[in-house]
Amino acid sequence: MKILLIDDSSTMRKIQKRVISELHPDAIVLEAGNGKEALDVLKANNNDFTFILCDINMPEMNGMETLKAIRSQPETAKLPVIMCTSVAEKGQVMEAIKAGATNYLVKPFQPADLQSKISAVLNK
């Protein structure tokens, strides 16, 4: 399993990585601090990821722009993307789903919440 974490907060990426490592010790977890960096990481790894966990609110290229860029490329169009944000606004959730998000996670979250979202993605 290979996962890409996209979040401008290194602390949040550390927390997500720790939770994923506890749940899936063999997982390879790569990180990006924003959408532009994430697209470079995807390309450098031949888009070979099991899923992406992407924050919405980031500088340079936000999560929605990143999601749309991922969905616009044939080689990444079907890659599962879990959007993650501290804003639990229904409109934002609907916008993310409409743009192609596979699932949605609201911060702060419990490890069980993240596991549930990961399981849903892996079982599709």
PDB file of N, CA and C in Angstrom:
ATOM      1  N   MET A   1       0.849  -1.172   0.000  1.00  0.00           N
ATOM      2  CA  MET A   1       0.000   0.000   0.000  1.00  0.00           C
ATOM      3  C   MET A   1       0.897   1.238   0.000  1.00  0.00           C
ATOM      4  N   LYS A   2       0.587   2.170  -0.890  1.00  0.00           N
ATOM      5  CA  LYS A   2       1.356   3.403  -1.007  1.00  0.00           C
ATOM      6  C   LYS A   2       0.377   4.575  -0.938  1.00  0.00           C
ATOM      7  N   ILE A   3       0.654   5.508  -0.024  1.00  0.00           N
ATOM      8  CA  ILE A   3      -0.274   6.592   0.271  1.00  0.00           C
ATOM      9  C   ILE A   3       0.433   7.933   0.126  1.00  0.00           C
ATOM     10  N   LEU A   4      -0.279   8.912  -0.424  1.00  0.00           N
ATOM     11  CA  LEU A   4       0.236  10.274  -0.515  1.00  0.00           C
ATOM     12  C   LEU A   4      -0.585  11.167   0.406  1.00  0.00           C
ATOM     13  N   LEU A   5       0.105  11.825   1.358  1.00  0.00           N
ATOM     14  CA  LEU A   5      -0.531  12.778   2.262  1.00  0.00           C
ATOM     15  C   LEU A   5      -0.243  14.181   1.756  1.00  0.00           C
ATOM     16  N   ILE A   6      -1.288  14.972   1.558  1.00  0.00           N
ATOM     17  CA  ILE A   6      -1.122  16.343   1.084  1.00  0.00           C
ATOM     18  C   ILE A   6      -1.739  17.277   2.113  1.00  0.00           C
ATOM     19  N   ASP A   7      -0.890  18.047   2.799  1.00  0.00           N
ATOM     20  CA  ASP A   7      -1.363  18.987   3.814  1.00  0.00           C
ATOM     21  C   ASP A   7      -0.256  20.006   4.049  1.00  0.00           C
ATOM     22  N   ASP A   8      -0.614  21.276   4.175  1.00  0.00           N
ATOM     23  CA  ASP A   8       0.400  22.295   4.413  1.00  0.00           C
ATOM     24  C   ASP A   8       0.918  22.262   5.848  1.00  0.00           C
ATOM     25  N   SER A   9       0.235  21.571   6.735  1.00  0.00           N
ATOM     26  CA  SER A   9       0.668  21.444   8.126  1.00  0.00           C
ATOM     27  C   SER A   9       1.510  20.180   8.300  1.00  0.00           C
ATOM     28  N   SER A  10       2.802  20.381   8.584  1.00  0.00           N
ATOM     29  CA  SER A  10       3.676  19.217   8.790  1.00  0.00           C
ATOM     30  C   SER A  10       3.229  18.434  10.022  1.00  0.00           C
ATOM     31  N   THR A  11       2.669  19.123  11.006  1.00  0.00           N
ATOM     32  CA  THR A  11       2.163  18.454  12.210  1.00  0.00           C
ATOM     33  C   THR A  11       1.006  17.523  11.852  1.00  0.00           C
ATOM     34  N   MET A  12       0.086  17.998  11.023  1.00  0.00           N
ATOM     35  CA  MET A  12      -1.053  17.162  10.620  1.00  0.00           C
ATOM     36  C   MET A  12      -0.566  15.961   9.811  1.00  0.00           C
ATOM     37  N   ARG A  13       0.404  16.182   8.917  1.00  0.00           N
ATOM     38  CA  ARG A  13       0.943  15.056   8.141  1.00  0.00           C
ATOM     39  C   ARG A  13       1.590  14.031   9.068  1.00  0.00           C
ATOM     40  N   LYS A  14       2.275  14.510  10.102  1.00  0.00           N
ATOM     41  CA  LYS A  14       2.915  13.609  11.065  1.00  0.00           C
ATOM     42  C   LYS A  14       1.869  12.764  11.794  1.00  0.00           C
ATOM     43  N   ILE A  15       0.786  13.402  12.216  1.00  0.00           N
ATOM     44  CA  ILE A  15      -0.300  12.695  12.912  1.00  0.00           C
ATOM     45  C   ILE A  15      -0.922  11.651  11.983  1.00  0.00           C
ATOM     46  N   GLN A  16      -1.241  12.058  10.761  1.00  0.00           N
ATOM     47  CA  GLN A  16      -1.842  11.136   9.795  1.00  0.00           C
ATOM     48  C   GLN A  16      -0.905   9.961   9.513  1.00  0.00           C
ATOM     49  N   LYS A  17       0.370  10.271   9.340  1.00  0.00           N
ATOM     50  CA  LYS A  17       1.356   9.227   9.040  1.00  0.00           C
ATOM     51  C   LYS A  17       1.458   8.236  10.199  1.00  0.00           C
ATOM     52  N   ARG A  18       1.460   8.758  11.437  1.00  0.00           N
ATOM     53  CA  ARG A  18       1.553   7.881  12.611  1.00  0.00           C
ATOM     54  C   ARG A  18       0.342   6.952  12.689  1.00  0.00           C
ATOM     55  N   VAL A  19      -0.846   7.509  12.492  1.00  0.00           N
ATOM     56  CA  VAL A  19      -2.072   6.700  12.547  1.00  0.00           C
ATOM     57  C   VAL A  19      -2.046   5.627  11.460  1.00  0.00           C
ATOM     58  N   ILE A  20      -1.683   6.019  10.241  1.00  0.00           N
ATOM     59  CA  ILE A  20      -1.627   5.058   9.132  1.00  0.00           C
ATOM     60  C   ILE A  20      -0.593   3.974   9.416  1.00  0.00           C
ATOM     61  N   SER A  21       0.566   4.364   9.943  1.00  0.00           N
ATOM     62  CA  SER A  21       1.625   3.387  10.244  1.00  0.00           C
ATOM     63  C   SER A  21       1.196   2.394  11.315  1.00  0.00           C
ATOM     64  N   GLU A  22       0.417   2.872  12.293  1.00  0.00           N
ATOM     65  CA  GLU A  22      -0.086   1.972  13.335  1.00  0.00           C
ATOM     66  C   GLU A  22      -1.104   0.987  12.762  1.00  0.00           C
ATOM     67  N   LEU A  23      -1.941   1.467  11.858  1.00  0.00           N
ATOM     68  CA  LEU A  23      -2.985   0.629  11.273  1.00  0.00           C
ATOM     69  C   LEU A  23      -2.466  -0.270  10.153  1.00  0.00           C
ATOM     70  N   HIS A  24      -1.497   0.245   9.410  1.00  0.00           N
ATOM     71  CA  HIS A  24      -0.944  -0.469   8.249  1.00  0.00           C
ATOM     72  C   HIS A  24       0.581  -0.339   8.279  1.00  0.00           C
ATOM     73  N   PRO A  25       1.264  -1.142   9.115  1.00  0.00           N
ATOM     74  CA  PRO A  25       2.709  -1.011   9.303  1.00  0.00           C
ATOM     75  C   PRO A  25       3.537  -1.121   8.016  1.00  0.00           C
ATOM     76  N   ASP A  26       3.040  -1.825   7.022  1.00  0.00           N
ATOM     77  CA  ASP A  26       3.799  -1.999   5.784  1.00  0.00           C
ATOM     78  C   ASP A  26       3.541  -0.897   4.761  1.00  0.00           C
ATOM     79  N   ALA A  27       2.685   0.052   5.095  1.00  0.00           N
ATOM     80  CA  ALA A  27       2.345   1.117   4.145  1.00  0.00           C
ATOM     81  C   ALA A  27       3.539   2.031   3.896  1.00  0.00           C
ATOM     82  N   ILE A  28       3.683   2.430   2.652  1.00  0.00           N
ATOM     83  CA  ILE A  28       4.672   3.435   2.272  1.00  0.00           C
ATOM     84  C   ILE A  28       3.906   4.748   2.204  1.00  0.00           C
ATOM     85  N   VAL A  29       4.357   5.735   2.984  1.00  0.00           N
ATOM     86  CA  VAL A  29       3.648   7.010   3.051  1.00  0.00           C
ATOM     87  C   VAL A  29       4.566   8.128   2.579  1.00  0.00           C
ATOM     88  N   LEU A  30       4.155   8.814   1.513  1.00  0.00           N
ATOM     89  CA  LEU A  30       4.889   9.971   1.010  1.00  0.00           C
ATOM     90  C   LEU A  30       4.077  11.220   1.323  1.00  0.00           C
ATOM     91  N   GLU A  31       4.766  12.369   1.369  1.00  0.00           N
ATOM     92  CA  GLU A  31       4.114  13.601   1.784  1.00  0.00           C
ATOM     93  C   GLU A  31       4.339  14.734   0.792  1.00  0.00           C
ATOM     94  N   ALA A  32       3.387  15.668   0.780  1.00  0.00           N
ATOM     95  CA  ALA A  32       3.506  16.898   0.001  1.00  0.00           C
ATOM     96  C   ALA A  32       2.867  18.027   0.807  1.00  0.00           C
ATOM     97  N   GLY A  33       3.466  19.215   0.740  1.00  0.00           N
ATOM     98  CA  GLY A  33       2.986  20.354   1.514  1.00  0.00           C
ATOM     99  C   GLY A  33       1.927  21.193   0.827  1.00  0.00           C
ATOM    100  N   ASN A  34       1.689  20.934  -0.455  1.00  0.00           N
ATOM    101  CA  ASN A  34       0.633  21.642  -1.185  1.00  0.00           C
ATOM    102  C   ASN A  34       0.325  20.881  -2.472  1.00  0.00           C
ATOM    103  N   GLY A  35      -0.665  21.359  -3.196  1.00  0.00           N
ATOM    104  CA  GLY A  35      -1.104  20.669  -4.405  1.00  0.00           C
ATOM    105  C   GLY A  35      -0.052  20.585  -5.491  1.00  0.00           C
ATOM    106  N   LYS A  36       0.689  21.676  -5.703  1.00  0.00           N
ATOM    107  CA  LYS A  36       1.723  21.671  -6.746  1.00  0.00           C
ATOM    108  C   LYS A  36       2.780  20.617  -6.439  1.00  0.00           C
ATOM    109  N   GLU A  37       3.210  20.597  -5.186  1.00  0.00           N
ATOM    110  CA  GLU A  37       4.197  19.600  -4.758  1.00  0.00           C
ATOM    111  C   GLU A  37       3.627  18.190  -4.925  1.00  0.00           C
ATOM    112  N   ALA A  38       2.358  18.018  -4.605  1.00  0.00           N
ATOM    113  CA  ALA A  38       1.706  16.706  -4.718  1.00  0.00           C
ATOM    114  C   ALA A  38       1.706  16.202  -6.155  1.00  0.00           C
ATOM    115  N   LEU A  39       1.410  17.083  -7.097  1.00  0.00           N
ATOM    116  CA  LEU A  39       1.402  16.675  -8.506  1.00  0.00           C
ATOM    117  C   LEU A  39       2.795  16.238  -8.949  1.00  0.00           C
ATOM    118  N   ASP A  40       3.830  16.910  -8.420  1.00  0.00           N
ATOM    119  CA  ASP A  40       5.211  16.507  -8.719  1.00  0.00           C
ATOM    120  C   ASP A  40       5.525  15.136  -8.122  1.00  0.00           C
ATOM    121  N   VAL A  41       5.067  14.902  -6.881  1.00  0.00           N
ATOM    122  CA  VAL A  41       5.295  13.607  -6.224  1.00  0.00           C
ATOM    123  C   VAL A  41       4.564  12.500  -6.983  1.00  0.00           C
ATOM    124  N   LEU A  42       3.345  12.770  -7.411  1.00  0.00           N
ATOM    125  CA  LEU A  42       2.594  11.789  -8.204  1.00  0.00           C
ATOM    126  C   LEU A  42       3.369  11.418  -9.461  1.00  0.00           C
ATOM    127  N   LYS A  43       3.817  12.430 -10.181  1.00  0.00           N
ATOM    128  CA  LYS A  43       4.537  12.209 -11.441  1.00  0.00           C
ATOM    129  C   LYS A  43       5.839  11.439 -11.199  1.00  0.00           C
ATOM    130  N   ALA A  44       6.586  11.828 -10.161  1.00  0.00           N
ATOM    131  CA  ALA A  44       7.862  11.178  -9.849  1.00  0.00           C
ATOM    132  C   ALA A  44       7.681   9.711  -9.463  1.00  0.00           C
ATOM    133  N   ASN A  45       6.478   9.358  -9.011  1.00  0.00           N
ATOM    134  CA  ASN A  45       6.183   7.979  -8.599  1.00  0.00           C
ATOM    135  C   ASN A  45       5.270   7.269  -9.588  1.00  0.00           C
ATOM    136  N   ASN A  46       5.235   7.760 -10.814  1.00  0.00           N
ATOM    137  CA  ASN A  46       4.411   7.165 -11.875  1.00  0.00           C
ATOM    138  C   ASN A  46       2.950   7.002 -11.463  1.00  0.00           C
ATOM    139  N   ASN A  47       2.466   7.920 -10.635  1.00  0.00           N
ATOM    140  CA  ASN A  47       1.068   7.920 -10.173  1.00  0.00           C
ATOM    141  C   ASN A  47       0.686   6.632  -9.447  1.00  0.00           C
ATOM    142  N   ASP A  48       1.681   5.928  -8.929  1.00  0.00           N
ATOM    143  CA  ASP A  48       1.467   4.616  -8.320  1.00  0.00           C
ATOM    144  C   ASP A  48       1.152   4.734  -6.825  1.00  0.00           C
ATOM    145  N   PHE A  49      -0.088   5.087  -6.511  1.00  0.00           N
ATOM    146  CA  PHE A  49      -0.528   5.207  -5.131  1.00  0.00           C
ATOM    147  C   PHE A  49      -1.830   4.445  -4.944  1.00  0.00           C
ATOM    148  N   THR A  50      -2.022   3.921  -3.742  1.00  0.00           N
ATOM    149  CA  THR A  50      -3.262   3.223  -3.408  1.00  0.00           C
ATOM    150  C   THR A  50      -4.382   4.238  -3.206  1.00  0.00           C
ATOM    151  N   PHE A  51      -4.050   5.336  -2.509  1.00  0.00           N
ATOM    152  CA  PHE A  51      -4.990   6.433  -2.336  1.00  0.00           C
ATOM    153  C   PHE A  51      -4.250   7.680  -1.875  1.00  0.00           C
ATOM    154  N   ILE A  52      -4.976   8.801  -1.895  1.00  0.00           N
ATOM    155  CA  ILE A  52      -4.447  10.099  -1.481  1.00  0.00           C
ATOM    156  C   ILE A  52      -5.336  10.643  -0.372  1.00  0.00           C
ATOM    157  N   LEU A  53      -4.700  11.241   0.636  1.00  0.00           N
ATOM    158  CA  LEU A  53      -5.413  11.964   1.687  1.00  0.00           C
ATOM    159  C   LEU A  53      -5.027  13.428   1.513  1.00  0.00           C
ATOM    160  N   CYS A  54      -5.993  14.279   1.148  1.00  0.00           N
ATOM    161  CA  CYS A  54      -5.700  15.652   0.736  1.00  0.00           C
ATOM    162  C   CYS A  54      -6.473  16.689   1.541  1.00  0.00           C
ATOM    163  N   ASP A  55      -5.745  17.625   2.144  1.00  0.00           N
ATOM    164  CA  ASP A  55      -6.360  18.748   2.840  1.00  0.00           C
ATOM    165  C   ASP A  55      -7.003  19.680   1.813  1.00  0.00           C
ATOM    166  N   ILE A  56      -8.015  20.408   2.215  1.00  0.00           N
ATOM    167  CA  ILE A  56      -8.653  21.352   1.294  1.00  0.00           C
ATOM    168  C   ILE A  56      -8.013  22.734   1.378  1.00  0.00           C
ATOM    169  N   ASN A  57      -7.783  23.218   2.585  1.00  0.00           N
ATOM    170  CA  ASN A  57      -7.276  24.577   2.764  1.00  0.00           C
ATOM    171  C   ASN A  57      -5.753  24.592   2.808  1.00  0.00           C
ATOM    172  N   MET A  58      -5.149  24.944   1.659  1.00  0.00           N
ATOM    173  CA  MET A  58      -3.690  25.014   1.545  1.00  0.00           C
ATOM    174  C   MET A  58      -3.319  26.208   0.674  1.00  0.00           C
ATOM    175  N   PRO A  59      -2.112  26.762   0.889  1.00  0.00           N
ATOM    176  CA  PRO A  59      -1.654  27.849   0.024  1.00  0.00           C
ATOM    177  C   PRO A  59      -1.200  27.319  -1.343  1.00  0.00           C
ATOM    178  N   GLU A  60      -0.936  28.212  -2.245  1.00  0.00           N
ATOM    179  CA  GLU A  60      -0.466  27.926  -3.612  1.00  0.00           C
ATOM    180  C   GLU A  60      -1.509  27.213  -4.455  1.00  0.00           C
ATOM    181  N   MET A  61      -1.751  25.946  -4.162  1.00  0.00           N
ATOM    182  CA  MET A  61      -2.755  25.172  -4.892  1.00  0.00           C
ATOM    183  C   MET A  61      -3.585  24.429  -3.854  1.00  0.00           C
ATOM    184  N   ASN A  62      -4.831  24.852  -3.654  1.00  0.00           N
ATOM    185  CA  ASN A  62      -5.636  24.248  -2.592  1.00  0.00           C
ATOM    186  C   ASN A  62      -6.104  22.838  -2.961  1.00  0.00           C
ATOM    187  N   GLY A  63      -6.763  22.207  -2.018  1.00  0.00           N
ATOM    188  CA  GLY A  63      -7.181  20.823  -2.212  1.00  0.00           C
ATOM    189  C   GLY A  63      -8.182  20.615  -3.330  1.00  0.00           C
ATOM    190  N   MET A  64      -9.106  21.558  -3.494  1.00  0.00           N
ATOM    191  CA  MET A  64     -10.088  21.429  -4.573  1.00  0.00           C
ATOM    192  C   MET A  64      -9.403  21.523  -5.935  1.00  0.00           C
ATOM    193  N   GLU A  65      -8.464  22.459  -6.067  1.00  0.00           N
ATOM    194  CA  GLU A  65      -7.709  22.589  -7.321  1.00  0.00           C
ATOM    195  C   GLU A  65      -6.881  21.330  -7.573  1.00  0.00           C
ATOM    196  N   THR A  66      -6.303  20.805  -6.506  1.00  0.00           N
ATOM    197  CA  THR A  66      -5.503  19.581  -6.614  1.00  0.00           C
ATOM    198  C   THR A  66      -6.376  18.414  -7.054  1.00  0.00           C
ATOM    199  N   LEU A  67      -7.529  18.268  -6.423  1.00  0.00           N
ATOM    200  CA  LEU A  67      -8.464  17.196  -6.774  1.00  0.00           C
ATOM    201  C   LEU A  67      -8.872  17.289  -8.242  1.00  0.00           C
ATOM    202  N   LYS A  68      -9.199  18.484  -8.692  1.00  0.00           N
ATOM    203  CA  LYS A  68      -9.600  18.674 -10.094  1.00  0.00           C
ATOM    204  C   LYS A  68      -8.455  18.336 -11.048  1.00  0.00           C
ATOM    205  N   ALA A  69      -7.218  18.702 -10.667  1.00  0.00           N
ATOM    206  CA  ALA A  69      -6.055  18.376 -11.502  1.00  0.00           C
ATOM    207  C   ALA A  69      -5.850  16.862 -11.568  1.00  0.00           C
ATOM    208  N   ILE A  70      -6.016  16.187 -10.439  1.00  0.00           N
ATOM    209  CA  ILE A  70      -5.875  14.724 -10.389  1.00  0.00           C
ATOM    210  C   ILE A  70      -6.947  14.066 -11.257  1.00  0.00           C
ATOM    211  N   ARG A  71      -8.172  14.535 -11.147  1.00  0.00           N
ATOM    212  CA  ARG A  71      -9.277  13.953 -11.914  1.00  0.00           C
ATOM    213  C   ARG A  71      -9.174  14.249 -13.411  1.00  0.00           C
ATOM    214  N   SER A  72      -8.460  15.309 -13.786  1.00  0.00           N
ATOM    215  CA  SER A  72      -8.376  15.693 -15.201  1.00  0.00           C
ATOM    216  C   SER A  72      -7.364  14.871 -15.997  1.00  0.00           C
ATOM    217  N   GLN A  73      -6.514  14.118 -15.309  1.00  0.00           N
ATOM    218  CA  GLN A  73      -5.495  13.312 -15.979  1.00  0.00           C
ATOM    219  C   GLN A  73      -5.959  11.858 -16.072  1.00  0.00           C
ATOM    220  N   PRO A  74      -5.932  11.268 -17.263  1.00  0.00           N
ATOM    221  CA  PRO A  74      -6.400   9.883 -17.418  1.00  0.00           C
ATOM    222  C   PRO A  74      -5.696   8.893 -16.480  1.00  0.00           C
ATOM    223  N   GLU A  75      -4.400   9.093 -16.248  1.00  0.00           N
ATOM    224  CA  GLU A  75      -3.649   8.143 -15.416  1.00  0.00           C
ATOM    225  C   GLU A  75      -3.953   8.265 -13.922  1.00  0.00           C
ATOM    226  N   THR A  76      -4.577   9.360 -13.492  1.00  0.00           N
ATOM    227  CA  THR A  76      -4.920   9.517 -12.072  1.00  0.00           C
ATOM    228  C   THR A  76      -6.418   9.719 -11.840  1.00  0.00           C
ATOM    229  N   ALA A  77      -7.190   9.715 -12.893  1.00  0.00           N
ATOM    230  CA  ALA A  77      -8.623  10.034 -12.796  1.00  0.00           C
ATOM    231  C   ALA A  77      -9.384   9.129 -11.831  1.00  0.00           C
ATOM    232  N   LYS A  78      -8.966   7.882 -11.703  1.00  0.00           N
ATOM    233  CA  LYS A  78      -9.685   6.928 -10.846  1.00  0.00           C
ATOM    234  C   LYS A  78      -8.991   6.680  -9.501  1.00  0.00           C
ATOM    235  N   LEU A  79      -7.901   7.395  -9.241  1.00  0.00           N
ATOM    236  CA  LEU A  79      -7.166   7.245  -7.990  1.00  0.00           C
ATOM    237  C   LEU A  79      -8.033   7.742  -6.826  1.00  0.00           C
ATOM    238  N   PRO A  80      -8.261   6.909  -5.800  1.00  0.00           N
ATOM    239  CA  PRO A  80      -9.098   7.337  -4.674  1.00  0.00           C
ATOM    240  C   PRO A  80      -8.485   8.528  -3.928  1.00  0.00           C
ATOM    241  N   VAL A  81      -9.311   9.531  -3.655  1.00  0.00           N
ATOM    242  CA  VAL A  81      -8.870  10.723  -2.934  1.00  0.00           C
ATOM    243  C   VAL A  81      -9.836  10.990  -1.786  1.00  0.00           C
ATOM    244  N   ILE A  82      -9.289  10.981  -0.566  1.00  0.00           N
ATOM    245  CA  ILE A  82     -10.059  11.334   0.622  1.00  0.00           C
ATOM    246  C   ILE A  82      -9.728  12.789   0.939  1.00  0.00           C
ATOM    247  N   MET A  83     -10.731  13.649   0.894  1.00  0.00           N
ATOM    248  CA  MET A  83     -10.522  15.057   1.207  1.00  0.00           C
ATOM    249  C   MET A  83     -10.631  15.249   2.713  1.00  0.00           C
ATOM    250  N   CYS A  84      -9.781  16.124   3.244  1.00  0.00           N
ATOM    251  CA  CYS A  84      -9.687  16.317   4.683  1.00  0.00           C
ATOM    252  C   CYS A  84      -9.714  17.819   4.991  1.00  0.00           C
ATOM    253  N   THR A  85     -10.567  18.231   5.925  1.00  0.00           N
ATOM    254  CA  THR A  85     -10.637  19.650   6.265  1.00  0.00           C
ATOM    255  C   THR A  85     -11.175  19.852   7.671  1.00  0.00           C
ATOM    256  N   SER A  86     -10.917  21.023   8.210  1.00  0.00           N
ATOM    257  CA  SER A  86     -11.442  21.358   9.536  1.00  0.00           C
ATOM    258  C   SER A  86     -12.808  22.025   9.427  1.00  0.00           C
ATOM    259  N   VAL A  87     -13.262  22.264   8.206  1.00  0.00           N
ATOM    260  CA  VAL A  87     -14.562  22.899   7.976  1.00  0.00           C
ATOM    261  C   VAL A  87     -15.580  21.831   7.584  1.00  0.00           C
ATOM    262  N   ALA A  88     -16.559  21.614   8.444  1.00  0.00           N
ATOM    263  CA  ALA A  88     -17.560  20.572   8.181  1.00  0.00           C
ATOM    264  C   ALA A  88     -18.804  21.160   7.523  1.00  0.00           C
ATOM    265  N   GLU A  89     -18.607  22.136   6.669  1.00  0.00           N
ATOM    266  CA  GLU A  89     -19.729  22.792   5.999  1.00  0.00           C
ATOM    267  C   GLU A  89     -20.276  21.902   4.887  1.00  0.00           C
ATOM    268  N   LYS A  90     -21.577  21.699   4.888  1.00  0.00           N
ATOM    269  CA  LYS A  90     -22.211  20.797   3.923  1.00  0.00           C
ATOM    270  C   LYS A  90     -21.919  21.202   2.475  1.00  0.00           C
ATOM    271  N   GLY A  91     -21.913  22.499   2.198  1.00  0.00           N
ATOM    272  CA  GLY A  91     -21.640  22.977   0.845  1.00  0.00           C
ATOM    273  C   GLY A  91     -20.260  22.573   0.361  1.00  0.00           C
ATOM    274  N   GLN A  92     -19.278  22.654   1.259  1.00  0.00           N
ATOM    275  CA  GLN A  92     -17.912  22.275   0.892  1.00  0.00           C
ATOM    276  C   GLN A  92     -17.812  20.769   0.662  1.00  0.00           C
ATOM    277  N   VAL A  93     -18.488  20.000   1.478  1.00  0.00           N
ATOM    278  CA  VAL A  93     -18.507  18.547   1.298  1.00  0.00           C
ATOM    279  C   VAL A  93     -19.117  18.206  -0.058  1.00  0.00           C
ATOM    280  N   MET A  94     -20.230  18.837  -0.379  1.00  0.00           N
ATOM    281  CA  MET A  94     -20.902  18.573  -1.658  1.00  0.00           C
ATOM    282  C   MET A  94     -20.025  18.981  -2.840  1.00  0.00           C
ATOM    283  N   GLU A  95     -19.326  20.109  -2.700  1.00  0.00           N
ATOM    284  CA  GLU A  95     -18.428  20.568  -3.765  1.00  0.00           C
ATOM    285  C   GLU A  95     -17.308  19.552  -3.993  1.00  0.00           C
ATOM    286  N   ALA A  96     -16.749  19.030  -2.901  1.00  0.00           N
ATOM    287  CA  ALA A  96     -15.672  18.042  -3.015  1.00  0.00           C
ATOM    288  C   ALA A  96     -16.172  16.756  -3.670  1.00  0.00           C
ATOM    289  N   ILE A  97     -17.340  16.291  -3.270  1.00  0.00           N
ATOM    290  CA  ILE A  97     -17.909  15.073  -3.862  1.00  0.00           C
ATOM    291  C   ILE A  97     -18.188  15.297  -5.349  1.00  0.00           C
ATOM    292  N   LYS A  98     -18.747  16.450  -5.663  1.00  0.00           N
ATOM    293  CA  LYS A  98     -19.048  16.786  -7.062  1.00  0.00           C
ATOM    294  C   LYS A  98     -17.770  16.838  -7.906  1.00  0.00           C
ATOM    295  N   ALA A  99     -16.666  17.305  -7.298  1.00  0.00           N
ATOM    296  CA  ALA A  99     -15.389  17.406  -8.010  1.00  0.00           C
ATOM    297  C   ALA A  99     -14.687  16.054  -8.131  1.00  0.00           C
ATOM    298  N   GLY A 100     -15.230  15.027  -7.455  1.00  0.00           N
ATOM    299  CA  GLY A 100     -14.663  13.693  -7.604  1.00  0.00           C
ATOM    300  C   GLY A 100     -14.013  13.098  -6.375  1.00  0.00           C
ATOM    301  N   ALA A 101     -14.217  13.708  -5.204  1.00  0.00           N
ATOM    302  CA  ALA A 101     -13.658  13.129  -3.978  1.00  0.00           C
ATOM    303  C   ALA A 101     -14.275  11.757  -3.738  1.00  0.00           C
ATOM    304  N   THR A 102     -13.453  10.816  -3.321  1.00  0.00           N
ATOM    305  CA  THR A 102     -13.919   9.467  -3.027  1.00  0.00           C
ATOM    306  C   THR A 102     -14.594   9.423  -1.661  1.00  0.00           C
ATOM    307  N   ASN A 103     -14.049  10.217  -0.726  1.00  0.00           N
ATOM    308  CA  ASN A 103     -14.583  10.261   0.626  1.00  0.00           C
ATOM    309  C   ASN A 103     -14.160  11.570   1.270  1.00  0.00           C
ATOM    310  N   TYR A 104     -14.599  11.801   2.505  1.00  0.00           N
ATOM    311  CA  TYR A 104     -14.399  13.076   3.173  1.00  0.00           C
ATOM    312  C   TYR A 104     -14.143  12.834   4.651  1.00  0.00           C
ATOM    313  N   LEU A 105     -13.140  13.515   5.213  1.00  0.00           N
ATOM    314  CA  LEU A 105     -12.786  13.362   6.622  1.00  0.00           C
ATOM    315  C   LEU A 105     -12.688  14.746   7.256  1.00  0.00           C
ATOM    316  N   VAL A 106     -13.362  14.939   8.389  1.00  0.00           N
ATOM    317  CA  VAL A 106     -13.336  16.227   9.079  1.00  0.00           C
ATOM    318  C   VAL A 106     -12.330  16.175  10.224  1.00  0.00           C
ATOM    319  N   LYS A 107     -11.443  17.192  10.281  1.00  0.00           N
ATOM    320  CA  LYS A 107     -10.469  17.324  11.361  1.00  0.00           C
ATOM    321  C   LYS A 107     -11.088  18.151  12.483  1.00  0.00           C
ATOM    322  N   PRO A 108     -10.750  17.904  13.739  1.00  0.00           N
ATOM    323  CA  PRO A 108      -9.896  16.803  14.185  1.00  0.00           C
ATOM    324  C   PRO A 108     -10.644  15.480  14.088  1.00  0.00           C
ATOM    325  N   PHE A 109      -9.899  14.425  13.905  1.00  0.00           N
ATOM    326  CA  PHE A 109     -10.517  13.109  13.756  1.00  0.00           C
ATOM    327  C   PHE A 109      -9.883  12.126  14.730  1.00  0.00           C
ATOM    328  N   GLN A 110     -10.605  11.070  15.004  1.00  0.00           N
ATOM    329  CA  GLN A 110     -10.087   9.976  15.818  1.00  0.00           C
ATOM    330  C   GLN A 110      -9.446   8.955  14.880  1.00  0.00           C
ATOM    331  N   PRO A 111      -8.462   8.190  15.349  1.00  0.00           N
ATOM    332  CA  PRO A 111      -7.863   7.161  14.494  1.00  0.00           C
ATOM    333  C   PRO A 111      -8.908   6.243  13.862  1.00  0.00           C
ATOM    334  N   ALA A 112      -9.961   5.924  14.601  1.00  0.00           N
ATOM    335  CA  ALA A 112     -11.013   5.044  14.065  1.00  0.00           C
ATOM    336  C   ALA A 112     -11.729   5.688  12.878  1.00  0.00           C
ATOM    337  N   ASP A 113     -11.849   7.026  12.899  1.00  0.00           N
ATOM    338  CA  ASP A 113     -12.483   7.733  11.774  1.00  0.00           C
ATOM    339  C   ASP A 113     -11.643   7.575  10.511  1.00  0.00           C
ATOM    340  N   LEU A 114     -10.334   7.776  10.659  1.00  0.00           N
ATOM    341  CA  LEU A 114      -9.431   7.633   9.513  1.00  0.00           C
ATOM    342  C   LEU A 114      -9.432   6.191   9.020  1.00  0.00           C
ATOM    343  N   GLN A 115      -9.391   5.238   9.945  1.00  0.00           N
ATOM    344  CA  GLN A 115      -9.415   3.826   9.557  1.00  0.00           C
ATOM    345  C   GLN A 115     -10.683   3.496   8.783  1.00  0.00           C
ATOM    346  N   SER A 116     -11.800   4.031   9.225  1.00  0.00           N
ATOM    347  CA  SER A 116     -13.074   3.790   8.548  1.00  0.00           C
ATOM    348  C   SER A 116     -13.044   4.309   7.112  1.00  0.00           C
ATOM    349  N   LYS A 117     -12.489   5.501   6.911  1.00  0.00           N
ATOM    350  CA  LYS A 117     -12.406   6.084   5.566  1.00  0.00           C
ATOM    351  C   LYS A 117     -11.451   5.275   4.689  1.00  0.00           C
ATOM    352  N   ILE A 118     -10.319   4.855   5.269  1.00  0.00           N
ATOM    353  CA  ILE A 118      -9.350   4.046   4.518  1.00  0.00           C
ATOM    354  C   ILE A 118      -9.982   2.713   4.123  1.00  0.00           C
ATOM    355  N   SER A 119     -10.662   2.075   5.069  1.00  0.00           N
ATOM    356  CA  SER A 119     -11.310   0.788   4.778  1.00  0.00           C
ATOM    357  C   SER A 119     -12.333   0.926   3.664  1.00  0.00           C
ATOM    358  N   ALA A 120     -13.100   2.014   3.695  1.00  0.00           N
ATOM    359  CA  ALA A 120     -14.107   2.241   2.658  1.00  0.00           C
ATOM    360  C   ALA A 120     -13.449   2.371   1.286  1.00  0.00           C
ATOM    361  N   VAL A 121     -12.310   3.054   1.234  1.00  0.00           N
ATOM    362  CA  VAL A 121     -11.585   3.229  -0.034  1.00  0.00           C
ATOM    363  C   VAL A 121     -10.999   1.899  -0.505  1.00  0.00           C
ATOM    364  N   LEU A 122     -10.401   1.147   0.406  1.00  0.00           N
ATOM    365  CA  LEU A 122      -9.752  -0.117   0.035  1.00  0.00           C
ATOM    366  C   LEU A 122     -10.756  -1.188  -0.369  1.00  0.00           C
ATOM    367  N   ASN A 123     -11.964  -1.104   0.159  1.00  0.00           N
ATOM    368  CA  ASN A 123     -12.975  -2.119  -0.138  1.00  0.00           C
ATOM    369  C   ASN A 123     -13.836  -1.797  -1.350  1.00  0.00           C
ATOM    370  N   LYS A 124     -13.532  -0.711  -2.045  1.00  0.00           N
ATOM    371  CA  LYS A 124     -14.315  -0.357  -3.246  1.00  0.00           C
ATOM    372  C   LYS A 124     -13.854  -1.169  -4.421  1.00  0.00           C
TER     373      LYS A 124
END
